[in-house]
PDB file of all heavy atoms in Angstrom:
ATOM      1  N   GLN A   1     159.323  38.767   8.146  1.00  0.00           N
ATOM      2  CA  GLN A   1     159.000  39.293   9.459  1.00  0.00           C
ATOM      3  C   GLN A   1     158.418  38.195  10.340  1.00  0.00           C
ATOM      4  O   GLN A   1     157.800  37.251   9.850  1.00  0.00           O
ATOM      5  CB  GLN A   1     157.993  40.445   9.359  1.00  0.00           C
ATOM      6  CG  GLN A   1     158.577  41.723   8.781  1.00  0.00           C
ATOM      7  CD  GLN A   1     157.526  42.812   8.681  1.00  0.00           C
ATOM      8  OE1 GLN A   1     156.328  42.526   8.664  1.00  0.00           O
ATOM      9  NE2 GLN A   1     157.967  44.051   8.596  1.00  0.00           N
ATOM     10  N   ALA A   2     158.634  38.308  11.643  1.00  0.00           N
ATOM     11  CA  ALA A   2     158.033  37.359  12.582  1.00  0.00           C
ATOM     12  C   ALA A   2     156.519  37.547  12.604  1.00  0.00           C
ATOM     13  O   ALA A   2     156.023  38.670  12.657  1.00  0.00           O
ATOM     14  CB  ALA A   2     158.613  37.579  13.977  1.00  0.00           C
ATOM     15  N   ARG A   3     155.791  36.436  12.559  1.00  0.00           N
ATOM     16  CA  ARG A   3     154.331  36.505  12.551  1.00  0.00           C
ATOM     17  C   ARG A   3     153.826  36.895  13.933  1.00  0.00           C
ATOM     18  O   ARG A   3     154.250  36.349  14.937  1.00  0.00           O
ATOM     19  CB  ARG A   3     153.738  35.165  12.131  1.00  0.00           C
ATOM     20  CG  ARG A   3     154.043  34.798  10.698  1.00  0.00           C
ATOM     21  CD  ARG A   3     153.475  33.444  10.350  1.00  0.00           C
ATOM     22  NE  ARG A   3     152.026  33.454  10.427  1.00  0.00           N
ATOM     23  CZ  ARG A   3     151.279  32.369  10.164  1.00  0.00           C
ATOM     24  NH1 ARG A   3     151.856  31.236   9.837  1.00  0.00           N
ATOM     25  NH2 ARG A   3     149.979  32.440  10.240  1.00  0.00           N
ATOM     26  N   ARG A   4     152.933  37.861  13.948  1.00  0.00           N
ATOM     27  CA  ARG A   4     152.364  38.331  15.193  1.00  0.00           C
ATOM     28  C   ARG A   4     151.068  37.583  15.460  1.00  0.00           C
ATOM     29  O   ARG A   4     150.215  37.469  14.581  1.00  0.00           O
ATOM     30  CB  ARG A   4     152.083  39.834  15.122  1.00  0.00           C
ATOM     31  CG  ARG A   4     153.334  40.682  14.902  1.00  0.00           C
ATOM     32  CD  ARG A   4     152.963  42.145  14.741  1.00  0.00           C
ATOM     33  NE  ARG A   4     154.127  42.969  14.453  1.00  0.00           N
ATOM     34  CZ  ARG A   4     154.066  44.267  14.189  1.00  0.00           C
ATOM     35  NH1 ARG A   4     152.873  44.878  14.180  1.00  0.00           N
ATOM     36  NH2 ARG A   4     155.168  44.951  13.934  1.00  0.00           N
ATOM     37  N   HIS A   5     150.937  37.111  16.671  1.00  0.00           N
ATOM     38  CA  HIS A   5     149.701  36.419  17.037  1.00  0.00           C
ATOM     39  C   HIS A   5     149.534  36.500  18.558  1.00  0.00           C
ATOM     40  O   HIS A   5     150.507  36.563  19.301  1.00  0.00           O
ATOM     41  CB  HIS A   5     149.722  34.966  16.566  1.00  0.00           C
ATOM     42  CG  HIS A   5     150.882  34.176  17.097  1.00  0.00           C
ATOM     43  ND1 HIS A   5     150.855  33.540  18.310  1.00  0.00           N
ATOM     44  CD2 HIS A   5     152.116  33.946  16.578  1.00  0.00           C
ATOM     45  CE1 HIS A   5     152.005  32.936  18.535  1.00  0.00           C
ATOM     46  NE2 HIS A   5     152.798  33.167  17.500  1.00  0.00           N
ATOM     47  N   PHE A   6     148.282  36.524  18.992  1.00  0.00           N
ATOM     48  CA  PHE A   6     147.978  36.496  20.416  1.00  0.00           C
ATOM     49  C   PHE A   6     146.568  35.955  20.573  1.00  0.00           C
ATOM     50  O   PHE A   6     145.820  35.806  19.604  1.00  0.00           O
ATOM     51  CB  PHE A   6     148.093  37.894  21.053  1.00  0.00           C
ATOM     52  CG  PHE A   6     147.139  38.913  20.485  1.00  0.00           C
ATOM     53  CD1 PHE A   6     145.839  39.036  20.965  1.00  0.00           C
ATOM     54  CD2 PHE A   6     147.544  39.770  19.471  1.00  0.00           C
ATOM     55  CE1 PHE A   6     144.970  39.977  20.446  1.00  0.00           C
ATOM     56  CE2 PHE A   6     146.689  40.721  18.943  1.00  0.00           C
ATOM     57  CZ  PHE A   6     145.396  40.819  19.434  1.00  0.00           C
ATOM     58  N   ARG A   7     146.195  35.645  21.806  1.00  0.00           N
ATOM     59  CA  ARG A   7     144.849  35.160  22.075  1.00  0.00           C
ATOM     60  C   ARG A   7     144.356  35.713  23.399  1.00  0.00           C
ATOM     61  O   ARG A   7     145.133  35.905  24.340  1.00  0.00           O
ATOM     62  CB  ARG A   7     144.805  33.630  22.066  1.00  0.00           C
ATOM     63  CG  ARG A   7     145.651  32.955  23.136  1.00  0.00           C
ATOM     64  CD  ARG A   7     145.526  31.452  23.038  1.00  0.00           C
ATOM     65  NE  ARG A   7     146.145  30.784  24.177  1.00  0.00           N
ATOM     66  CZ  ARG A   7     146.066  29.486  24.397  1.00  0.00           C
ATOM     67  NH1 ARG A   7     145.400  28.715  23.537  1.00  0.00           N
ATOM     68  NH2 ARG A   7     146.627  28.944  25.456  1.00  0.00           N
ATOM     69  N   ILE A   8     143.059  35.970  23.464  1.00  0.00           N
ATOM     70  CA  ILE A   8     142.416  36.529  24.647  1.00  0.00           C
ATOM     71  C   ILE A   8     141.371  35.534  25.138  1.00  0.00           C
ATOM     72  O   ILE A   8     140.506  35.117  24.358  1.00  0.00           O
ATOM     73  CB  ILE A   8     141.740  37.875  24.331  1.00  0.00           C
ATOM     74  CG1 ILE A   8     142.762  38.866  23.765  1.00  0.00           C
ATOM     75  CG2 ILE A   8     141.074  38.453  25.572  1.00  0.00           C
ATOM     76  CD1 ILE A   8     142.136  40.142  23.253  1.00  0.00           C
ATOM     77  N   PRO A   9     141.407  35.113  26.400  1.00  0.00           N
ATOM     78  CA  PRO A   9     140.397  34.174  26.900  1.00  0.00           C
ATOM     79  C   PRO A   9     139.013  34.807  26.942  1.00  0.00           C
ATOM     80  O   PRO A   9     138.863  35.985  27.278  1.00  0.00           O
ATOM     81  CB  PRO A   9     140.898  33.819  28.304  1.00  0.00           C
ATOM     82  CG  PRO A   9     141.761  34.973  28.703  1.00  0.00           C
ATOM     83  CD  PRO A   9     142.387  35.484  27.433  1.00  0.00           C
ATOM     84  N   VAL A  10     138.008  34.041  26.595  1.00  0.00           N
ATOM     85  CA  VAL A  10     136.630  34.538  26.565  1.00  0.00           C
ATOM     86  C   VAL A  10     135.959  34.426  27.933  1.00  0.00           C
ATOM     87  O   VAL A  10     135.196  35.310  28.337  1.00  0.00           O
ATOM     88  CB  VAL A  10     135.809  33.766  25.508  1.00  0.00           C
ATOM     89  CG1 VAL A  10     134.327  34.092  25.611  1.00  0.00           C
ATOM     90  CG2 VAL A  10     136.326  34.087  24.110  1.00  0.00           C
ATOM     91  N   GLY A  11     136.242  33.357  28.666  1.00  0.00           N
ATOM     92  CA  GLY A  11     135.535  33.070  29.905  1.00  0.00           C
ATOM     93  C   GLY A  11     135.607  34.152  30.966  1.00  0.00           C
ATOM     94  O   GLY A  11     134.566  34.634  31.443  1.00  0.00           O
ATOM     95  N   PRO A  12     136.807  34.605  31.387  1.00  0.00           N
ATOM     96  CA  PRO A  12     136.877  35.599  32.475  1.00  0.00           C
ATOM     97  C   PRO A  12     136.185  36.920  32.173  1.00  0.00           C
ATOM     98  O   PRO A  12     135.374  37.384  32.993  1.00  0.00           O
ATOM     99  CB  PRO A  12     138.395  35.773  32.665  1.00  0.00           C
ATOM    100  CG  PRO A  12     138.985  34.492  32.200  1.00  0.00           C
ATOM    101  CD  PRO A  12     138.130  34.046  31.054  1.00  0.00           C
ATOM    102  N   PRO A  13     136.437  37.585  31.016  1.00  0.00           N
ATOM    103  CA  PRO A  13     135.723  38.855  30.780  1.00  0.00           C
ATOM    104  C   PRO A  13     134.219  38.674  30.618  1.00  0.00           C
ATOM    105  O   PRO A  13     133.444  39.544  31.014  1.00  0.00           O
ATOM    106  CB  PRO A  13     136.362  39.391  29.487  1.00  0.00           C
ATOM    107  CG  PRO A  13     137.014  38.227  28.844  1.00  0.00           C
ATOM    108  CD  PRO A  13     137.428  37.323  29.946  1.00  0.00           C
ATOM    109  N   LEU A  14     133.797  37.530  30.065  1.00  0.00           N
ATOM    110  CA  LEU A  14     132.361  37.276  29.927  1.00  0.00           C
ATOM    111  C   LEU A  14     131.712  37.124  31.294  1.00  0.00           C
ATOM    112  O   LEU A  14     130.638  37.692  31.550  1.00  0.00           O
ATOM    113  CB  LEU A  14     132.138  36.016  29.083  1.00  0.00           C
ATOM    114  CG  LEU A  14     130.680  35.624  28.838  1.00  0.00           C
ATOM    115  CD1 LEU A  14     129.952  36.702  28.037  1.00  0.00           C
ATOM    116  CD2 LEU A  14     130.596  34.278  28.106  1.00  0.00           C
ATOM    117  N   ALA A  15     132.345  36.370  32.184  1.00  0.00           N
ATOM    118  CA  ALA A  15     131.800  36.185  33.534  1.00  0.00           C
ATOM    119  C   ALA A  15     131.756  37.502  34.303  1.00  0.00           C
ATOM    120  O   ALA A  15     130.772  37.802  34.980  1.00  0.00           O
ATOM    121  CB  ALA A  15     132.633  35.151  34.291  1.00  0.00           C
ATOM    122  N   LEU A  16     132.821  38.305  34.200  1.00  0.00           N
ATOM    123  CA  LEU A  16     132.842  39.600  34.886  1.00  0.00           C
ATOM    124  C   LEU A  16     131.766  40.530  34.335  1.00  0.00           C
ATOM    125  O   LEU A  16     131.116  41.267  35.096  1.00  0.00           O
ATOM    126  CB  LEU A  16     134.226  40.248  34.735  1.00  0.00           C
ATOM    127  CG  LEU A  16     135.364  39.607  35.533  1.00  0.00           C
ATOM    128  CD1 LEU A  16     136.696  40.258  35.187  1.00  0.00           C
ATOM    129  CD2 LEU A  16     135.098  39.697  37.024  1.00  0.00           C
ATOM    130  N   GLY A  17     131.564  40.504  33.021  1.00  0.00           N
ATOM    131  CA  GLY A  17     130.510  41.323  32.432  1.00  0.00           C
ATOM    132  C   GLY A  17     129.134  40.909  32.887  1.00  0.00           C
ATOM    133  O   GLY A  17     128.251  41.758  33.116  1.00  0.00           O
ATOM    134  N   LEU A  18     128.921  39.605  33.054  1.00  0.00           N
ATOM    135  CA  LEU A  18     127.616  39.101  33.478  1.00  0.00           C
ATOM    136  C   LEU A  18     127.381  39.258  34.975  1.00  0.00           C
ATOM    137  O   LEU A  18     126.248  39.088  35.440  1.00  0.00           O
ATOM    138  CB  LEU A  18     127.483  37.621  33.090  1.00  0.00           C
ATOM    139  CG  LEU A  18     127.435  37.340  31.591  1.00  0.00           C
ATOM    140  CD1 LEU A  18     127.490  35.846  31.317  1.00  0.00           C
ATOM    141  CD2 LEU A  18     126.182  37.947  30.957  1.00  0.00           C
ATOM    142  N   LEU A  19     128.418  39.574  35.730  1.00  0.00           N
ATOM    143  CA  LEU A  19     128.263  39.798  37.173  1.00  0.00           C
ATOM    144  C   LEU A  19     127.835  41.223  37.499  1.00  0.00           C
ATOM    145  O   LEU A  19     127.610  41.553  38.667  1.00  0.00           O
ATOM    146  CB  LEU A  19     129.576  39.490  37.897  1.00  0.00           C
ATOM    147  CG  LEU A  19     129.877  38.022  38.174  1.00  0.00           C
ATOM    148  CD1 LEU A  19     131.278  37.860  38.735  1.00  0.00           C
ATOM    149  CD2 LEU A  19     128.846  37.421  39.127  1.00  0.00           C
ATOM    150  N   GLN A  20     127.718  42.077  36.492  1.00  0.00           N
ATOM    151  CA  GLN A  20     127.357  43.467  36.752  1.00  0.00           C
ATOM    152  C   GLN A  20     125.947  43.591  37.337  1.00  0.00           C
ATOM    153  O   GLN A  20     125.711  44.408  38.239  1.00  0.00           O
ATOM    154  CB  GLN A  20     127.440  44.282  35.457  1.00  0.00           C
ATOM    155  CG  GLN A  20     128.852  44.443  34.927  1.00  0.00           C
ATOM    156  CD  GLN A  20     128.883  45.223  33.628  1.00  0.00           C
ATOM    157  OE1 GLN A  20     129.179  46.408  33.609  1.00  0.00           O
ATOM    158  NE2 GLN A  20     128.546  44.552  32.537  1.00  0.00           N
ATOM    159  N   MET A  21     125.011  42.783  36.848  1.00  0.00           N
ATOM    160  CA  MET A  21     123.623  42.911  37.317  1.00  0.00           C
ATOM    161  C   MET A  21     123.433  42.424  38.749  1.00  0.00           C
ATOM    162  O   MET A  21     122.748  43.100  39.529  1.00  0.00           O
ATOM    163  CB  MET A  21     122.670  42.207  36.356  1.00  0.00           C
ATOM    164  CG  MET A  21     122.578  42.894  35.007  1.00  0.00           C
ATOM    165  SD  MET A  21     121.182  42.411  33.993  1.00  0.00           S
ATOM    166  CE  MET A  21     119.884  43.420  34.695  1.00  0.00           C
ATOM    167  N   PRO A  22     123.996  41.266  39.159  1.00  0.00           N
ATOM    168  CA  PRO A  22     123.838  40.916  40.581  1.00  0.00           C
ATOM    169  C   PRO A  22     124.504  41.917  41.515  1.00  0.00           C
ATOM    170  O   PRO A  22     123.972  42.215  42.589  1.00  0.00           O
ATOM    171  CB  PRO A  22     124.500  39.525  40.675  1.00  0.00           C
ATOM    172  CG  PRO A  22     125.326  39.387  39.464  1.00  0.00           C
ATOM    173  CD  PRO A  22     124.640  40.187  38.407  1.00  0.00           C
ATOM    174  N   VAL A  23     125.652  42.469  41.107  1.00  0.00           N
ATOM    175  CA  VAL A  23     126.305  43.485  41.930  1.00  0.00           C
ATOM    176  C   VAL A  23     125.460  44.761  41.945  1.00  0.00           C
ATOM    177  O   VAL A  23     125.266  45.388  42.998  1.00  0.00           O
ATOM    178  CB  VAL A  23     127.723  43.785  41.401  1.00  0.00           C
ATOM    179  CG1 VAL A  23     128.340  44.971  42.140  1.00  0.00           C
ATOM    180  CG2 VAL A  23     128.613  42.555  41.542  1.00  0.00           C
ATOM    181  N   GLY A  24     124.941  45.151  40.768  1.00  0.00           N
ATOM    182  CA  GLY A  24     124.100  46.339  40.693  1.00  0.00           C
ATOM    183  C   GLY A  24     122.814  46.195  41.485  1.00  0.00           C
ATOM    184  O   GLY A  24     122.364  47.155  42.135  1.00  0.00           O
ATOM    185  N   MET A  25     122.227  45.006  41.482  1.00  0.00           N
ATOM    186  CA  MET A  25     120.998  44.785  42.248  1.00  0.00           C
ATOM    187  C   MET A  25     121.270  44.859  43.747  1.00  0.00           C
ATOM    188  O   MET A  25     120.456  45.416  44.511  1.00  0.00           O
ATOM    189  CB  MET A  25     120.390  43.426  41.871  1.00  0.00           C
ATOM    190  CG  MET A  25     119.066  43.146  42.538  1.00  0.00           C
ATOM    191  SD  MET A  25     118.239  41.699  41.843  1.00  0.00           S
ATOM    192  CE  MET A  25     117.726  42.376  40.262  1.00  0.00           C
ATOM    193  N   ALA A  26     122.393  44.311  44.181  1.00  0.00           N
ATOM    194  CA  ALA A  26     122.756  44.414  45.598  1.00  0.00           C
ATOM    195  C   ALA A  26     123.002  45.875  45.984  1.00  0.00           C
ATOM    196  O   ALA A  26     122.613  46.310  47.075  1.00  0.00           O
ATOM    197  CB  ALA A  26     123.999  43.570  45.873  1.00  0.00           C
ATOM    198  N   TYR A  27     123.623  46.628  45.090  1.00  0.00           N
ATOM    199  CA  TYR A  27     123.843  48.058  45.339  1.00  0.00           C
ATOM    200  C   TYR A  27     122.507  48.795  45.455  1.00  0.00           C
ATOM    201  O   TYR A  27     122.335  49.636  46.358  1.00  0.00           O
ATOM    202  CB  TYR A  27     124.677  48.645  44.203  1.00  0.00           C
ATOM    203  CG  TYR A  27     124.795  50.152  44.246  1.00  0.00           C
ATOM    204  CD1 TYR A  27     125.752  50.763  45.056  1.00  0.00           C
ATOM    205  CD2 TYR A  27     123.953  50.962  43.480  1.00  0.00           C
ATOM    206  CE1 TYR A  27     125.868  52.147  45.098  1.00  0.00           C
ATOM    207  CE2 TYR A  27     124.058  52.344  43.518  1.00  0.00           C
ATOM    208  CZ  TYR A  27     125.015  52.930  44.327  1.00  0.00           C
ATOM    209  OH  TYR A  27     125.116  54.306  44.368  1.00  0.00           O
ATOM    210  N   ASN A  28     121.571  48.502  44.555  1.00  0.00           N
ATOM    211  CA  ASN A  28     120.250  49.131  44.618  1.00  0.00           C
ATOM    212  C   ASN A  28     119.575  48.876  45.961  1.00  0.00           C
ATOM    213  O   ASN A  28     118.988  49.786  46.565  1.00  0.00           O
ATOM    214  CB  ASN A  28     119.351  48.594  43.503  1.00  0.00           C
ATOM    215  CG  ASN A  28     119.771  49.067  42.133  1.00  0.00           C
ATOM    216  OD1 ASN A  28     120.545  50.007  42.000  1.00  0.00           O
ATOM    217  ND2 ASN A  28     119.270  48.409  41.101  1.00  0.00           N
ATOM    218  N   LEU A  29     119.669  47.635  46.412  1.00  0.00           N
ATOM    219  CA  LEU A  29     119.013  47.269  47.666  1.00  0.00           C
ATOM    220  C   LEU A  29     119.636  48.000  48.852  1.00  0.00           C
ATOM    221  O   LEU A  29     118.919  48.551  49.698  1.00  0.00           O
ATOM    222  CB  LEU A  29     119.100  45.758  47.873  1.00  0.00           C
ATOM    223  CG  LEU A  29     118.435  45.221  49.132  1.00  0.00           C
ATOM    224  CD1 LEU A  29     116.924  45.437  49.070  1.00  0.00           C
ATOM    225  CD2 LEU A  29     118.742  43.741  49.316  1.00  0.00           C
ATOM    226  N   VAL A  30     120.953  48.019  48.914  1.00  0.00           N
ATOM    227  CA  VAL A  30     121.632  48.679  50.036  1.00  0.00           C
ATOM    228  C   VAL A  30     121.315  50.174  50.047  1.00  0.00           C
ATOM    229  O   VAL A  30     121.005  50.759  51.102  1.00  0.00           O
ATOM    230  CB  VAL A  30     123.152  48.441  49.942  1.00  0.00           C
ATOM    231  CG1 VAL A  30     123.888  49.301  50.974  1.00  0.00           C
ATOM    232  CG2 VAL A  30     123.473  46.971  50.170  1.00  0.00           C
ATOM    233  N   MET A  31     121.359  50.807  48.868  1.00  0.00           N
ATOM    234  CA  MET A  31     121.087  52.236  48.790  1.00  0.00           C
ATOM    235  C   MET A  31     119.622  52.543  49.099  1.00  0.00           C
ATOM    236  O   MET A  31     119.314  53.572  49.719  1.00  0.00           O
ATOM    237  CB  MET A  31     121.456  52.763  47.400  1.00  0.00           C
ATOM    238  CG  MET A  31     122.940  52.722  47.100  1.00  0.00           C
ATOM    239  SD  MET A  31     123.935  53.679  48.277  1.00  0.00           S
ATOM    240  CE  MET A  31     123.358  55.342  47.925  1.00  0.00           C
ATOM    241  N   ALA A  32     118.712  51.664  48.661  1.00  0.00           N
ATOM    242  CA  ALA A  32     117.294  51.883  48.948  1.00  0.00           C
ATOM    243  C   ALA A  32     117.014  51.802  50.437  1.00  0.00           C
ATOM    244  O   ALA A  32     116.238  52.599  50.992  1.00  0.00           O
ATOM    245  CB  ALA A  32     116.452  50.854  48.196  1.00  0.00           C
ATOM    246  N   ILE A  33     117.666  50.857  51.134  1.00  0.00           N
ATOM    247  CA  ILE A  33     117.449  50.700  52.573  1.00  0.00           C
ATOM    248  C   ILE A  33     118.067  51.855  53.355  1.00  0.00           C
ATOM    249  O   ILE A  33     117.477  52.368  54.314  1.00  0.00           O
ATOM    250  CB  ILE A  33     118.025  49.350  53.050  1.00  0.00           C
ATOM    251  CG1 ILE A  33     117.196  48.194  52.464  1.00  0.00           C
ATOM    252  CG2 ILE A  33     118.047  49.261  54.571  1.00  0.00           C
ATOM    253  CD1 ILE A  33     117.747  46.822  52.779  1.00  0.00           C
ATOM    254  N   THR A  34     119.233  52.290  52.936  1.00  0.00           N
ATOM    255  CA  THR A  34     119.961  53.311  53.701  1.00  0.00           C
ATOM    256  C   THR A  34     119.538  54.742  53.384  1.00  0.00           C
ATOM    257  O   THR A  34     119.673  55.623  54.240  1.00  0.00           O
ATOM    258  CB  THR A  34     121.478  53.171  53.456  1.00  0.00           C
ATOM    259  OG1 THR A  34     121.743  53.251  52.048  1.00  0.00           O
ATOM    260  CG2 THR A  34     121.987  51.838  53.986  1.00  0.00           C
ATOM    261  N   THR A  35     119.028  54.980  52.183  1.00  0.00           N
ATOM    262  CA  THR A  35     118.723  56.364  51.798  1.00  0.00           C
ATOM    263  C   THR A  35     117.253  56.612  51.476  1.00  0.00           C
ATOM    264  O   THR A  35     116.824  57.764  51.473  1.00  0.00           O
ATOM    265  CB  THR A  35     119.557  56.771  50.565  1.00  0.00           C
ATOM    266  OG1 THR A  35     119.186  55.955  49.434  1.00  0.00           O
ATOM    267  CG2 THR A  35     121.047  56.580  50.825  1.00  0.00           C
ATOM    268  N   ASP A  36     116.493  55.553  51.184  1.00  0.00           N
ATOM    269  CA  ASP A  36     115.105  55.777  50.741  1.00  0.00           C
ATOM    270  C   ASP A  36     114.198  54.661  51.247  1.00  0.00           C
ATOM    271  O   ASP A  36     113.369  54.131  50.509  1.00  0.00           O
ATOM    272  CB  ASP A  36     115.079  55.837  49.205  1.00  0.00           C
ATOM    273  CG  ASP A  36     113.816  56.511  48.684  1.00  0.00           C
ATOM    274  OD1 ASP A  36     113.133  57.182  49.480  1.00  0.00           O
ATOM    275  OD2 ASP A  36     113.516  56.357  47.491  1.00  0.00           O
ATOM    276  N   PHE A  37     114.359  54.299  52.501  1.00  0.00           N
ATOM    277  CA  PHE A  37     113.663  53.134  53.041  1.00  0.00           C
ATOM    278  C   PHE A  37     112.153  53.321  53.069  1.00  0.00           C
ATOM    279  O   PHE A  37     111.399  52.411  52.719  1.00  0.00           O
ATOM    280  CB  PHE A  37     114.176  52.834  54.454  1.00  0.00           C
ATOM    281  CG  PHE A  37     113.540  51.629  55.075  1.00  0.00           C
ATOM    282  CD1 PHE A  37     113.935  50.348  54.712  1.00  0.00           C
ATOM    283  CD2 PHE A  37     112.530  51.766  56.027  1.00  0.00           C
ATOM    284  CE1 PHE A  37     113.340  49.226  55.282  1.00  0.00           C
ATOM    285  CE2 PHE A  37     111.933  50.656  56.602  1.00  0.00           C
ATOM    286  CZ  PHE A  37     112.348  49.377  56.227  1.00  0.00           C
ATOM    287  N   GLN A  38     111.672  54.476  53.460  1.00  0.00           N
ATOM    288  CA  GLN A  38     110.231  54.686  53.642  1.00  0.00           C
ATOM    289  C   GLN A  38     109.471  54.565  52.336  1.00  0.00           C
ATOM    290  O   GLN A  38     108.444  53.891  52.268  1.00  0.00           O
ATOM    291  CB  GLN A  38     109.982  56.056  54.276  1.00  0.00           C
ATOM    292  CG  GLN A  38     108.511  56.295  54.612  1.00  0.00           C
ATOM    293  CD  GLN A  38     108.314  57.578  55.394  1.00  0.00           C
ATOM    294  OE1 GLN A  38     109.269  58.283  55.705  1.00  0.00           O
ATOM    295  NE2 GLN A  38     107.066  57.889  55.728  1.00  0.00           N
TER     296      GLN A  38
END
């Protein structure tokens, strides 16, 4: 049988996963200013 093999790059999914917190923090700030500023 033909040998099956593949590879998945680590860099792009790791970077996207680590970008969740800066995006989430910006979301928190925008929502706090627009909905709960006082």
